Amino acid sequence: MAVLELDSNNFEQTIKDNDFVVVDFWAPWCGPCRSFAPTFEKVSEDHDDIVFAKINTEAQQELAAHFQIRSIPTLMIFREQVIIFSQPGALPERSFRELLSKAAELDMEEVKRQVAEQQTAQNG
């Protein structure tokens, strides 16, 4: 599957319509971003069940601000509209593949239960 370019027009719909989305926040002037791009593309070709997307933080400053992106590249993984991973820094291919495997193995019912517990604790 080709890597999608996300912006404020298609971001929300992409997250809603897909159970597993990996987002790479990057910028054209960022050396580590450019060096990670081929790895991101290569790994995306092996996972038809995952949506791989990129957000250019220069062009999409509102999205970058919304997610409090302070360092790029930053990888963010959404499963069933829940952010389960967010971390700055480029990963070696092997580590990236391992991360995706672990993300796929997560019990999302348990994750959602924990999120609900945290929200209840924060609200009351």
PDB file of N, CA and C in Angstrom:
ATOM      1  N   MET A   1       0.849  -1.189   0.000  1.00  0.00           N
ATOM      2  CA  MET A   1       0.000   0.000   0.000  1.00  0.00           C
ATOM      3  C   MET A   1       0.886   1.241   0.000  1.00  0.00           C
ATOM      4  N   ALA A   2       0.499   2.207  -0.780  1.00  0.00           N
ATOM      5  CA  ALA A   2       1.260   3.452  -0.842  1.00  0.00           C
ATOM      6  C   ALA A   2       1.108   4.231   0.461  1.00  0.00           C
ATOM      7  N   VAL A   3       2.131   4.996   0.788  1.00  0.00           N
ATOM      8  CA  VAL A   3       2.088   5.838   1.974  1.00  0.00           C
ATOM      9  C   VAL A   3       1.217   7.055   1.676  1.00  0.00           C
ATOM     10  N   LEU A   4       0.261   7.326   2.548  1.00  0.00           N
ATOM     11  CA  LEU A   4      -0.641   8.465   2.372  1.00  0.00           C
ATOM     12  C   LEU A   4      -0.015   9.742   2.908  1.00  0.00           C
ATOM     13  N   GLU A   5      -0.339  10.849   2.275  1.00  0.00           N
ATOM     14  CA  GLU A   5      -0.001  12.164   2.805  1.00  0.00           C
ATOM     15  C   GLU A   5      -1.245  12.669   3.529  1.00  0.00           C
ATOM     16  N   LEU A   6      -1.123  12.898   4.829  1.00  0.00           N
ATOM     17  CA  LEU A   6      -2.272  13.377   5.585  1.00  0.00           C
ATOM     18  C   LEU A   6      -2.204  14.882   5.790  1.00  0.00           C
ATOM     19  N   ASP A   7      -3.397  15.483   5.824  1.00  0.00           N
ATOM     20  CA  ASP A   7      -3.509  16.898   6.143  1.00  0.00           C
ATOM     21  C   ASP A   7      -4.776  17.083   6.969  1.00  0.00           C
ATOM     22  N   SER A   8      -5.107  18.317   7.280  1.00  0.00           N
ATOM     23  CA  SER A   8      -6.260  18.576   8.135  1.00  0.00           C
ATOM     24  C   SER A   8      -7.572  18.141   7.479  1.00  0.00           C
ATOM     25  N   ASN A   9      -7.581  17.978   6.168  1.00  0.00           N
ATOM     26  CA  ASN A   9      -8.801  17.567   5.470  1.00  0.00           C
ATOM     27  C   ASN A   9      -9.069  16.070   5.540  1.00  0.00           C
ATOM     28  N   ASN A  10      -8.021  15.245   5.547  1.00  0.00           N
ATOM     29  CA  ASN A  10      -8.234  13.795   5.500  1.00  0.00           C
ATOM     30  C   ASN A  10      -7.766  13.058   6.746  1.00  0.00           C
ATOM     31  N   PHE A  11      -7.161  13.758   7.699  1.00  0.00           N
ATOM     32  CA  PHE A  11      -6.608  13.098   8.878  1.00  0.00           C
ATOM     33  C   PHE A  11      -7.676  12.354   9.681  1.00  0.00           C
ATOM     34  N   GLU A  12      -8.699  13.082  10.115  1.00  0.00           N
ATOM     35  CA  GLU A  12      -9.714  12.502  11.000  1.00  0.00           C
ATOM     36  C   GLU A  12     -10.404  11.306  10.355  1.00  0.00           C
ATOM     37  N   GLN A  13     -10.762  11.439   9.087  1.00  0.00           N
ATOM     38  CA  GLN A  13     -11.449  10.357   8.380  1.00  0.00           C
ATOM     39  C   GLN A  13     -10.547   9.137   8.261  1.00  0.00           C
ATOM     40  N   THR A  14      -9.268   9.347   8.010  1.00  0.00           N
ATOM     41  CA  THR A  14      -8.324   8.231   7.896  1.00  0.00           C
ATOM     42  C   THR A  14      -8.244   7.465   9.211  1.00  0.00           C
ATOM     43  N   ILE A  15      -8.173   8.183  10.321  1.00  0.00           N
ATOM     44  CA  ILE A  15      -8.097   7.534  11.635  1.00  0.00           C
ATOM     45  C   ILE A  15      -9.402   6.787  11.939  1.00  0.00           C
ATOM     46  N   LYS A  16     -10.546   7.389  11.602  1.00  0.00           N
ATOM     47  CA  LYS A  16     -11.845   6.759  11.867  1.00  0.00           C
ATOM     48  C   LYS A  16     -12.071   5.513  11.012  1.00  0.00           C
ATOM     49  N   ASP A  17     -11.635   5.563   9.747  1.00  0.00           N
ATOM     50  CA  ASP A  17     -11.945   4.501   8.796  1.00  0.00           C
ATOM     51  C   ASP A  17     -10.991   3.308   8.849  1.00  0.00           C
ATOM     52  N   ASN A  18      -9.901   3.414   9.611  1.00  0.00           N
ATOM     53  CA  ASN A  18      -8.892   2.355   9.636  1.00  0.00           C
ATOM     54  C   ASN A  18      -8.543   1.983  11.069  1.00  0.00           C
ATOM     55  N   ASP A  19      -8.445   0.675  11.326  1.00  0.00           N
ATOM     56  CA  ASP A  19      -8.180   0.200  12.685  1.00  0.00           C
ATOM     57  C   ASP A  19      -6.719   0.352  13.109  1.00  0.00           C
ATOM     58  N   PHE A  20      -5.808   0.463  12.134  1.00  0.00           N
ATOM     59  CA  PHE A  20      -4.372   0.468  12.454  1.00  0.00           C
ATOM     60  C   PHE A  20      -3.705   1.487  11.531  1.00  0.00           C
ATOM     61  N   VAL A  21      -3.259   2.611  12.102  1.00  0.00           N
ATOM     62  CA  VAL A  21      -2.638   3.674  11.309  1.00  0.00           C
ATOM     63  C   VAL A  21      -1.313   4.068  11.958  1.00  0.00           C
ATOM     64  N   VAL A  22      -0.258   4.103  11.161  1.00  0.00           N
ATOM     65  CA  VAL A  22       1.059   4.551  11.617  1.00  0.00           C
ATOM     66  C   VAL A  22       1.339   5.885  10.943  1.00  0.00           C
ATOM     67  N   VAL A  23       1.614   6.902  11.763  1.00  0.00           N
ATOM     68  CA  VAL A  23       1.834   8.248  11.231  1.00  0.00           C
ATOM     69  C   VAL A  23       3.272   8.681  11.506  1.00  0.00           C
ATOM     70  N   ASP A  24       3.919   9.174  10.474  1.00  0.00           N
ATOM     71  CA  ASP A  24       5.270   9.721  10.568  1.00  0.00           C
ATOM     72  C   ASP A  24       5.162  11.246  10.423  1.00  0.00           C
ATOM     73  N   PHE A  25       5.427  11.965  11.520  1.00  0.00           N
ATOM     74  CA  PHE A  25       5.486  13.433  11.467  1.00  0.00           C
ATOM     75  C   PHE A  25       6.901  13.793  11.031  1.00  0.00           C
ATOM     76  N   TRP A  26       7.035  14.586   9.975  1.00  0.00           N
ATOM     77  CA  TRP A  26       8.343  14.880   9.392  1.00  0.00           C
ATOM     78  C   TRP A  26       8.341  16.295   8.807  1.00  0.00           C
ATOM     79  N   ALA A  27       9.512  16.710   8.311  1.00  0.00           N
ATOM     80  CA  ALA A  27       9.642  17.983   7.585  1.00  0.00           C
ATOM     81  C   ALA A  27      10.734  17.816   6.523  1.00  0.00           C
ATOM     82  N   PRO A  28      10.605  18.531   5.409  1.00  0.00           N
ATOM     83  CA  PRO A  28      11.568  18.392   4.310  1.00  0.00           C
ATOM     84  C   PRO A  28      13.006  18.745   4.696  1.00  0.00           C
ATOM     85  N   TRP A  29      13.201  19.670   5.636  1.00  0.00           N
ATOM     86  CA  TRP A  29      14.544  20.112   6.015  1.00  0.00           C
ATOM     87  C   TRP A  29      15.199  19.189   7.046  1.00  0.00           C
ATOM     88  N   CYS A  30      14.483  18.193   7.534  1.00  0.00           N
ATOM     89  CA  CYS A  30      14.950  17.332   8.628  1.00  0.00           C
ATOM     90  C   CYS A  30      15.757  16.149   8.092  1.00  0.00           C
ATOM     91  N   GLY A  31      17.051  16.134   8.360  1.00  0.00           N
ATOM     92  CA  GLY A  31      17.928  15.050   7.897  1.00  0.00           C
ATOM     93  C   GLY A  31      17.501  13.677   8.392  1.00  0.00           C
ATOM     94  N   PRO A  32      17.280  13.498   9.711  1.00  0.00           N
ATOM     95  CA  PRO A  32      16.836  12.187  10.193  1.00  0.00           C
ATOM     96  C   PRO A  32      15.498  11.756   9.580  1.00  0.00           C
ATOM     97  N   CYS A  33      14.629  12.711   9.292  1.00  0.00           N
ATOM     98  CA  CYS A  33      13.347  12.389   8.639  1.00  0.00           C
ATOM     99  C   CYS A  33      13.594  11.804   7.253  1.00  0.00           C
ATOM    100  N   ARG A  34      14.493  12.462   6.508  1.00  0.00           N
ATOM    101  CA  ARG A  34      14.793  11.997   5.151  1.00  0.00           C
ATOM    102  C   ARG A  34      15.478  10.631   5.173  1.00  0.00           C
ATOM    103  N   SER A  35      16.317  10.379   6.181  1.00  0.00           N
ATOM    104  CA  SER A  35      16.994   9.084   6.231  1.00  0.00           C
ATOM    105  C   SER A  35      16.048   7.967   6.691  1.00  0.00           C
ATOM    106  N   PHE A  36      14.999   8.301   7.453  1.00  0.00           N
ATOM    107  CA  PHE A  36      14.035   7.297   7.903  1.00  0.00           C
ATOM    108  C   PHE A  36      12.994   6.980   6.812  1.00  0.00           C
ATOM    109  N   ALA A  37      12.753   7.913   5.917  1.00  0.00           N
ATOM    110  CA  ALA A  37      11.706   7.756   4.901  1.00  0.00           C
ATOM    111  C   ALA A  37      11.798   6.444   4.115  1.00  0.00           C
ATOM    112  N   PRO A  38      12.987   6.030   3.615  1.00  0.00           N
ATOM    113  CA  PRO A  38      13.045   4.762   2.867  1.00  0.00           C
ATOM    114  C   PRO A  38      12.661   3.551   3.730  1.00  0.00           C
ATOM    115  N   THR A  39      13.019   3.572   5.007  1.00  0.00           N
ATOM    116  CA  THR A  39      12.644   2.479   5.913  1.00  0.00           C
ATOM    117  C   THR A  39      11.129   2.442   6.080  1.00  0.00           C
ATOM    118  N   PHE A  40      10.530   3.611   6.302  1.00  0.00           N
ATOM    119  CA  PHE A  40       9.082   3.719   6.463  1.00  0.00           C
ATOM    120  C   PHE A  40       8.375   3.162   5.223  1.00  0.00           C
ATOM    121  N   GLU A  41       8.852   3.569   4.035  1.00  0.00           N
ATOM    122  CA  GLU A  41       8.271   3.103   2.767  1.00  0.00           C
ATOM    123  C   GLU A  41       8.433   1.588   2.614  1.00  0.00           C
ATOM    124  N   LYS A  42       9.633   1.088   2.882  1.00  0.00           N
ATOM    125  CA  LYS A  42       9.922  -0.341   2.708  1.00  0.00           C
ATOM    126  C   LYS A  42       9.037  -1.192   3.613  1.00  0.00           C
ATOM    127  N   VAL A  43       8.937  -0.819   4.889  1.00  0.00           N
ATOM    128  CA  VAL A  43       8.136  -1.590   5.835  1.00  0.00           C
ATOM    129  C   VAL A  43       6.654  -1.517   5.465  1.00  0.00           C
ATOM    130  N   SER A  44       6.214  -0.368   4.958  1.00  0.00           N
ATOM    131  CA  SER A  44       4.806  -0.221   4.578  1.00  0.00           C
ATOM    132  C   SER A  44       4.410  -1.231   3.496  1.00  0.00           C
ATOM    133  N   GLU A  45       5.351  -1.578   2.629  1.00  0.00           N
ATOM    134  CA  GLU A  45       5.060  -2.509   1.538  1.00  0.00           C
ATOM    135  C   GLU A  45       4.766  -3.921   2.039  1.00  0.00           C
ATOM    136  N   ASP A  46       5.183  -4.235   3.262  1.00  0.00           N
ATOM    137  CA  ASP A  46       4.988  -5.576   3.824  1.00  0.00           C
ATOM    138  C   ASP A  46       3.743  -5.685   4.694  1.00  0.00           C
ATOM    139  N   HIS A  47       2.976  -4.610   4.811  1.00  0.00           N
ATOM    140  CA  HIS A  47       1.829  -4.607   5.724  1.00  0.00           C
ATOM    141  C   HIS A  47       0.592  -4.015   5.054  1.00  0.00           C
ATOM    142  N   ASP A  48      -0.116  -4.850   4.299  1.00  0.00           N
ATOM    143  CA  ASP A  48      -1.333  -4.385   3.628  1.00  0.00           C
ATOM    144  C   ASP A  48      -2.449  -4.071   4.609  1.00  0.00           C
ATOM    145  N   ASP A  49      -2.339  -4.594   5.832  1.00  0.00           N
ATOM    146  CA  ASP A  49      -3.384  -4.422   6.843  1.00  0.00           C
ATOM    147  C   ASP A  49      -3.215  -3.147   7.668  1.00  0.00           C
ATOM    148  N   ILE A  50      -2.145  -2.409   7.417  1.00  0.00           N
ATOM    149  CA  ILE A  50      -1.845  -1.196   8.183  1.00  0.00           C
ATOM    150  C   ILE A  50      -1.793  -0.009   7.221  1.00  0.00           C
ATOM    151  N   VAL A  51      -2.371   1.117   7.641  1.00  0.00           N
ATOM    152  CA  VAL A  51      -2.260   2.343   6.857  1.00  0.00           C
ATOM    153  C   VAL A  51      -1.017   3.095   7.335  1.00  0.00           C
ATOM    154  N   PHE A  52      -0.121   3.388   6.414  1.00  0.00           N
ATOM    155  CA  PHE A  52       1.076   4.170   6.705  1.00  0.00           C
ATOM    156  C   PHE A  52       0.856   5.563   6.140  1.00  0.00           C
ATOM    157  N   ALA A  53       1.085   6.575   6.973  1.00  0.00           N
ATOM    158  CA  ALA A  53       0.815   7.941   6.547  1.00  0.00           C
ATOM    159  C   ALA A  53       1.903   8.879   7.042  1.00  0.00           C
ATOM    160  N   LYS A  54       2.069   9.982   6.320  1.00  0.00           N
ATOM    161  CA  LYS A  54       3.055  10.996   6.693  1.00  0.00           C
ATOM    162  C   LYS A  54       2.354  12.342   6.837  1.00  0.00           C
ATOM    163  N   ILE A  55       2.825  13.122   7.787  1.00  0.00           N
ATOM    164  CA  ILE A  55       2.328  14.482   7.966  1.00  0.00           C
ATOM    165  C   ILE A  55       3.528  15.414   7.933  1.00  0.00           C
ATOM    166  N   ASN A  56       3.539  16.301   6.943  1.00  0.00           N
ATOM    167  CA  ASN A  56       4.589  17.305   6.816  1.00  0.00           C
ATOM    168  C   ASN A  56       4.284  18.404   7.844  1.00  0.00           C
ATOM    169  N   THR A  57       5.091  18.483   8.887  1.00  0.00           N
ATOM    170  CA  THR A  57       4.826  19.427   9.981  1.00  0.00           C
ATOM    171  C   THR A  57       4.973  20.881   9.541  1.00  0.00           C
ATOM    172  N   GLU A  58       5.694  21.125   8.463  1.00  0.00           N
ATOM    173  CA  GLU A  58       5.812  22.490   7.935  1.00  0.00           C
ATOM    174  C   GLU A  58       4.493  22.931   7.312  1.00  0.00           C
ATOM    175  N   ALA A  59       3.897  22.036   6.530  1.00  0.00           N
ATOM    176  CA  ALA A  59       2.653  22.356   5.826  1.00  0.00           C
ATOM    177  C   ALA A  59       1.424  22.186   6.721  1.00  0.00           C
ATOM    178  N   GLN A  60       1.539  21.346   7.733  1.00  0.00           N
ATOM    179  CA  GLN A  60       0.391  21.020   8.597  1.00  0.00           C
ATOM    180  C   GLN A  60       0.696  21.409  10.047  1.00  0.00           C
ATOM    181  N   GLN A  61       0.969  22.668  10.248  1.00  0.00           N
ATOM    182  CA  GLN A  61       1.373  23.125  11.582  1.00  0.00           C
ATOM    183  C   GLN A  61       0.279  22.952  12.627  1.00  0.00           C
ATOM    184  N   GLU A  62      -0.989  23.069  12.223  1.00  0.00           N
ATOM    185  CA  GLU A  62      -2.079  22.881  13.182  1.00  0.00           C
ATOM    186  C   GLU A  62      -2.127  21.445  13.699  1.00  0.00           C
ATOM    187  N   LEU A  63      -1.962  20.468  12.804  1.00  0.00           N
ATOM    188  CA  LEU A  63      -1.945  19.064  13.239  1.00  0.00           C
ATOM    189  C   LEU A  63      -0.749  18.795  14.143  1.00  0.00           C
ATOM    190  N   ALA A  64       0.410  19.309  13.766  1.00  0.00           N
ATOM    191  CA  ALA A  64       1.607  19.116  14.587  1.00  0.00           C
ATOM    192  C   ALA A  64       1.412  19.729  15.973  1.00  0.00           C
ATOM    193  N   ALA A  65       0.805  20.903  16.026  1.00  0.00           N
ATOM    194  CA  ALA A  65       0.556  21.560  17.316  1.00  0.00           C
ATOM    195  C   ALA A  65      -0.467  20.774  18.130  1.00  0.00           C
ATOM    196  N   HIS A  66      -1.508  20.279  17.465  1.00  0.00           N
ATOM    197  CA  HIS A  66      -2.547  19.513  18.155  1.00  0.00           C
ATOM    198  C   HIS A  66      -1.951  18.300  18.877  1.00  0.00           C
ATOM    199  N   PHE A  67      -1.013  17.634  18.225  1.00  0.00           N
ATOM    200  CA  PHE A  67      -0.387  16.446  18.809  1.00  0.00           C
ATOM    201  C   PHE A  67       0.896  16.778  19.577  1.00  0.00           C
ATOM    202  N   GLN A  68       1.156  18.068  19.759  1.00  0.00           N
ATOM    203  CA  GLN A  68       2.300  18.550  20.536  1.00  0.00           C
ATOM    204  C   GLN A  68       3.627  17.959  20.048  1.00  0.00           C
ATOM    205  N   ILE A  69       3.801  17.970  18.730  1.00  0.00           N
ATOM    206  CA  ILE A  69       5.029  17.461  18.124  1.00  0.00           C
ATOM    207  C   ILE A  69       6.135  18.489  18.378  1.00  0.00           C
ATOM    208  N   ARG A  70       7.141  18.094  19.129  1.00  0.00           N
ATOM    209  CA  ARG A  70       8.240  18.992  19.487  1.00  0.00           C
ATOM    210  C   ARG A  70       9.553  18.596  18.812  1.00  0.00           C
ATOM    211  N   SER A  71       9.608  17.353  18.350  1.00  0.00           N
ATOM    212  CA  SER A  71      10.825  16.829  17.752  1.00  0.00           C
ATOM    213  C   SER A  71      10.418  15.922  16.596  1.00  0.00           C
ATOM    214  N   ILE A  72      11.152  16.003  15.506  1.00  0.00           N
ATOM    215  CA  ILE A  72      10.846  15.149  14.366  1.00  0.00           C
ATOM    216  C   ILE A  72      12.097  14.394  13.943  1.00  0.00           C
ATOM    217  N   PRO A  73      11.921  13.231  13.355  1.00  0.00           N
ATOM    218  CA  PRO A  73      10.640  12.580  13.113  1.00  0.00           C
ATOM    219  C   PRO A  73       9.993  12.098  14.420  1.00  0.00           C
ATOM    220  N   THR A  74       8.682  12.062  14.427  1.00  0.00           N
ATOM    221  CA  THR A  74       7.921  11.442  15.517  1.00  0.00           C
ATOM    222  C   THR A  74       7.000  10.415  14.901  1.00  0.00           C
ATOM    223  N   LEU A  75       7.022   9.214  15.456  1.00  0.00           N
ATOM    224  CA  LEU A  75       6.117   8.154  15.028  1.00  0.00           C
ATOM    225  C   LEU A  75       4.952   8.086  15.995  1.00  0.00           C
ATOM    226  N   MET A  76       3.760   7.941  15.450  1.00  0.00           N
ATOM    227  CA  MET A  76       2.566   7.803  16.263  1.00  0.00           C
ATOM    228  C   MET A  76       1.760   6.646  15.684  1.00  0.00           C
ATOM    229  N   ILE A  77       1.277   5.764  16.570  1.00  0.00           N
ATOM    230  CA  ILE A  77       0.476   4.629  16.122  1.00  0.00           C
ATOM    231  C   ILE A  77      -0.917   4.736  16.731  1.00  0.00           C
ATOM    232  N   PHE A  78      -1.911   4.641  15.863  1.00  0.00           N
ATOM    233  CA  PHE A  78      -3.315   4.625  16.278  1.00  0.00           C
ATOM    234  C   PHE A  78      -3.860   3.218  16.049  1.00  0.00           C
ATOM    235  N   ARG A  79      -4.513   2.670  17.063  1.00  0.00           N
ATOM    236  CA  ARG A  79      -5.268   1.424  16.906  1.00  0.00           C
ATOM    237  C   ARG A  79      -6.687   1.721  17.352  1.00  0.00           C
ATOM    238  N   GLU A  80      -7.629   1.496  16.475  1.00  0.00           N
ATOM    239  CA  GLU A  80      -9.041   1.734  16.775  1.00  0.00           C
ATOM    240  C   GLU A  80      -9.249   3.125  17.379  1.00  0.00           C
ATOM    241  N   GLN A  81      -8.620   4.122  16.763  1.00  0.00           N
ATOM    242  CA  GLN A  81      -8.729   5.544  17.107  1.00  0.00           C
ATOM    243  C   GLN A  81      -8.088   5.911  18.449  1.00  0.00           C
ATOM    244  N   VAL A  82      -7.280   5.007  19.007  1.00  0.00           N
ATOM    245  CA  VAL A  82      -6.574   5.279  20.262  1.00  0.00           C
ATOM    246  C   VAL A  82      -5.084   5.377  19.952  1.00  0.00           C
ATOM    247  N   ILE A  83      -4.436   6.422  20.473  1.00  0.00           N
ATOM    248  CA  ILE A  83      -2.979   6.528  20.305  1.00  0.00           C
ATOM    249  C   ILE A  83      -2.328   5.538  21.268  1.00  0.00           C
ATOM    250  N   ILE A  84      -1.646   4.538  20.717  1.00  0.00           N
ATOM    251  CA  ILE A  84      -1.005   3.532  21.569  1.00  0.00           C
ATOM    252  C   ILE A  84       0.509   3.706  21.617  1.00  0.00           C
ATOM    253  N   PHE A  85       1.043   4.585  20.748  1.00  0.00           N
ATOM    254  CA  PHE A  85       2.488   4.821  20.731  1.00  0.00           C
ATOM    255  C   PHE A  85       2.739   6.201  20.153  1.00  0.00           C
ATOM    256  N   SER A  86       3.631   6.935  20.790  1.00  0.00           N
ATOM    257  CA  SER A  86       4.055   8.226  20.272  1.00  0.00           C
ATOM    258  C   SER A  86       5.456   8.492  20.790  1.00  0.00           C
ATOM    259  N   GLN A  87       6.401   8.568  19.865  1.00  0.00           N
ATOM    260  CA  GLN A  87       7.787   8.755  20.286  1.00  0.00           C
ATOM    261  C   GLN A  87       8.601   9.419  19.177  1.00  0.00           C
ATOM    262  N   PRO A  88       9.396  10.426  19.553  1.00  0.00           N
ATOM    263  CA  PRO A  88      10.271  11.030  18.549  1.00  0.00           C
ATOM    264  C   PRO A  88      11.483  10.142  18.271  1.00  0.00           C
ATOM    265  N   GLY A  89      12.046  10.321  17.084  1.00  0.00           N
ATOM    266  CA  GLY A  89      13.264   9.610  16.718  1.00  0.00           C
ATOM    267  C   GLY A  89      13.022   8.591  15.624  1.00  0.00           C
ATOM    268  N   ALA A  90      13.978   8.481  14.738  1.00  0.00           N
ATOM    269  CA  ALA A  90      13.914   7.478  13.674  1.00  0.00           C
ATOM    270  C   ALA A  90      14.314   6.126  14.240  1.00  0.00           C
ATOM    271  N   LEU A  91      13.665   5.082  13.767  1.00  0.00           N
ATOM    272  CA  LEU A  91      13.978   3.730  14.225  1.00  0.00           C
ATOM    273  C   LEU A  91      14.694   2.952  13.136  1.00  0.00           C
ATOM    274  N   PRO A  92      15.619   2.069  13.535  1.00  0.00           N
ATOM    275  CA  PRO A  92      16.173   1.138  12.554  1.00  0.00           C
ATOM    276  C   PRO A  92      15.048   0.210  12.069  1.00  0.00           C
ATOM    277  N   GLU A  93      15.208  -0.349  10.886  1.00  0.00           N
ATOM    278  CA  GLU A  93      14.141  -1.166  10.292  1.00  0.00           C
ATOM    279  C   GLU A  93      13.694  -2.291  11.232  1.00  0.00           C
ATOM    280  N   ARG A  94      14.632  -2.998  11.812  1.00  0.00           N
ATOM    281  CA  ARG A  94      14.278  -4.129  12.683  1.00  0.00           C
ATOM    282  C   ARG A  94      13.439  -3.671  13.876  1.00  0.00           C
ATOM    283  N   SER A  95      13.837  -2.581  14.499  1.00  0.00           N
ATOM    284  CA  SER A  95      13.092  -2.052  15.644  1.00  0.00           C
ATOM    285  C   SER A  95      11.701  -1.599  15.231  1.00  0.00           C
ATOM    286  N   PHE A  96      11.601  -0.986  14.058  1.00  0.00           N
ATOM    287  CA  PHE A  96      10.315  -0.533  13.546  1.00  0.00           C
ATOM    288  C   PHE A  96       9.383  -1.725  13.324  1.00  0.00           C
ATOM    289  N   ARG A  97       9.917  -2.791  12.731  1.00  0.00           N
ATOM    290  CA  ARG A  97       9.117  -3.999  12.497  1.00  0.00           C
ATOM    291  C   ARG A  97       8.667  -4.619  13.831  1.00  0.00           C
ATOM    292  N   GLU A  98       9.561  -4.658  14.810  1.00  0.00           N
ATOM    293  CA  GLU A  98       9.210  -5.203  16.129  1.00  0.00           C
ATOM    294  C   GLU A  98       8.113  -4.364  16.782  1.00  0.00           C
ATOM    295  N   LEU A  99       8.231  -3.051  16.674  1.00  0.00           N
ATOM    296  CA  LEU A  99       7.222  -2.154  17.227  1.00  0.00           C
ATOM    297  C   LEU A  99       5.851  -2.437  16.613  1.00  0.00           C
ATOM    298  N   LEU A 100       5.794  -2.607  15.307  1.00  0.00           N
ATOM    299  CA  LEU A 100       4.527  -2.884  14.634  1.00  0.00           C
ATOM    300  C   LEU A 100       3.948  -4.228  15.079  1.00  0.00           C
ATOM    301  N   SER A 101       4.805  -5.229  15.259  1.00  0.00           N
ATOM    302  CA  SER A 101       4.334  -6.537  15.733  1.00  0.00           C
ATOM    303  C   SER A 101       3.724  -6.420  17.120  1.00  0.00           C
ATOM    304  N   LYS A 102       4.408  -5.706  18.010  1.00  0.00           N
ATOM    305  CA  LYS A 102       3.891  -5.531  19.373  1.00  0.00           C
ATOM    306  C   LYS A 102       2.589  -4.736  19.368  1.00  0.00           C
ATOM    307  N   ALA A 103       2.509  -3.726  18.515  1.00  0.00           N
ATOM    308  CA  ALA A 103       1.290  -2.922  18.418  1.00  0.00           C
ATOM    309  C   ALA A 103       0.124  -3.779  17.925  1.00  0.00           C
ATOM    310  N   ALA A 104       0.398  -4.681  16.989  1.00  0.00           N
ATOM    311  CA  ALA A 104      -0.648  -5.544  16.440  1.00  0.00           C
ATOM    312  C   ALA A 104      -1.143  -6.547  17.477  1.00  0.00           C
ATOM    313  N   GLU A 105      -0.270  -6.938  18.408  1.00  0.00           N
ATOM    314  CA  GLU A 105      -0.630  -7.940  19.409  1.00  0.00           C
ATOM    315  C   GLU A 105      -1.434  -7.371  20.573  1.00  0.00           C
ATOM    316  N   LEU A 106      -1.478  -6.053  20.706  1.00  0.00           N
ATOM    317  CA  LEU A 106      -2.187  -5.460  21.840  1.00  0.00           C
ATOM    318  C   LEU A 106      -3.647  -5.874  21.881  1.00  0.00           C
ATOM    319  N   ASP A 107      -4.132  -6.136  23.071  1.00  0.00           N
ATOM    320  CA  ASP A 107      -5.547  -6.416  23.307  1.00  0.00           C
ATOM    321  C   ASP A 107      -6.247  -5.069  23.428  1.00  0.00           C
ATOM    322  N   MET A 108      -6.912  -4.654  22.363  1.00  0.00           N
ATOM    323  CA  MET A 108      -7.500  -3.309  22.346  1.00  0.00           C
ATOM    324  C   MET A 108      -8.657  -3.161  23.324  1.00  0.00           C
ATOM    325  N   GLU A 109      -9.329  -4.259  23.652  1.00  0.00           N
ATOM    326  CA  GLU A 109     -10.389  -4.170  24.673  1.00  0.00           C
ATOM    327  C   GLU A 109      -9.769  -3.779  26.014  1.00  0.00           C
ATOM    328  N   GLU A 110      -8.628  -4.369  26.323  1.00  0.00           N
ATOM    329  CA  GLU A 110      -7.929  -4.049  27.568  1.00  0.00           C
ATOM    330  C   GLU A 110      -7.416  -2.608  27.543  1.00  0.00           C
ATOM    331  N   VAL A 111      -6.874  -2.193  26.411  1.00  0.00           N
ATOM    332  CA  VAL A 111      -6.380  -0.821  26.281  1.00  0.00           C
ATOM    333  C   VAL A 111      -7.523   0.169  26.496  1.00  0.00           C
ATOM    334  N   LYS A 112      -8.660  -0.083  25.863  1.00  0.00           N
ATOM    335  CA  LYS A 112      -9.809   0.824  26.011  1.00  0.00           C
ATOM    336  C   LYS A 112     -10.320   0.847  27.448  1.00  0.00           C
ATOM    337  N   ARG A 113     -10.268  -0.306  28.122  1.00  0.00           N
ATOM    338  CA  ARG A 113     -10.686  -0.366  29.525  1.00  0.00           C
ATOM    339  C   ARG A 113      -9.760   0.511  30.379  1.00  0.00           C
ATOM    340  N   GLN A 114      -8.460   0.408  30.136  1.00  0.00           N
ATOM    341  CA  GLN A 114      -7.489   1.209  30.889  1.00  0.00           C
ATOM    342  C   GLN A 114      -7.666   2.698  30.615  1.00  0.00           C
ATOM    343  N   VAL A 115      -7.926   3.067  29.368  1.00  0.00           N
ATOM    344  CA  VAL A 115      -8.157   4.469  29.016  1.00  0.00           C
ATOM    345  C   VAL A 115      -9.384   4.990  29.756  1.00  0.00           C
ATOM    346  N   ALA A 116     -10.451   4.196  29.761  1.00  0.00           N
ATOM    347  CA  ALA A 116     -11.686   4.596  30.454  1.00  0.00           C
ATOM    348  C   ALA A 116     -11.434   4.764  31.947  1.00  0.00           C
ATOM    349  N   GLU A 117     -10.644   3.867  32.549  1.00  0.00           N
ATOM    350  CA  GLU A 117     -10.312   3.981  33.975  1.00  0.00           C
ATOM    351  C   GLU A 117      -9.529   5.268  34.246  1.00  0.00           C
ATOM    352  N   GLN A 118      -8.573   5.585  33.386  1.00  0.00           N
ATOM    353  CA  GLN A 118      -7.767   6.805  33.562  1.00  0.00           C
ATOM    354  C   GLN A 118      -8.644   8.037  33.452  1.00  0.00           C
ATOM    355  N   GLN A 119      -9.559   8.037  32.501  1.00  0.00           N
ATOM    356  CA  GLN A 119     -10.440   9.196  32.322  1.00  0.00           C
ATOM    357  C   GLN A 119     -11.360   9.344  33.521  1.00  0.00           C
ATOM    358  N   THR A 120     -11.858   8.240  34.063  1.00  0.00           N
ATOM    359  CA  THR A 120     -12.715   8.291  35.244  1.00  0.00           C
ATOM    360  C   THR A 120     -11.934   8.839  36.437  1.00  0.00           C
ATOM    361  N   ALA A 121     -10.694   8.376  36.594  1.00  0.00           N
ATOM    362  CA  ALA A 121      -9.862   8.842  37.708  1.00  0.00           C
ATOM    363  C   ALA A 121      -9.547  10.334  37.586  1.00  0.00           C
ATOM    364  N   GLN A 122      -9.310  10.808  36.352  1.00  0.00           N
ATOM    365  CA  GLN A 122      -8.989  12.206  36.131  1.00  0.00           C
ATOM    366  C   GLN A 122     -10.207  13.108  36.348  1.00  0.00           C
ATOM    367  N   ASN A 123     -11.359  12.591  36.031  1.00  0.00           N
ATOM    368  CA  ASN A 123     -12.581  13.403  36.113  1.00  0.00           C
ATOM    369  C   ASN A 123     -13.270  13.352  37.464  1.00  0.00           C
ATOM    370  N   GLY A 124     -12.767  12.487  38.336  1.00  0.00           N
ATOM    371  CA  GLY A 124     -13.545  12.504  39.498  1.00  0.00           C
ATOM    372  C   GLY A 124     -13.116  11.948  40.750  1.00  0.00           C
TER     373      GLY A 124
END
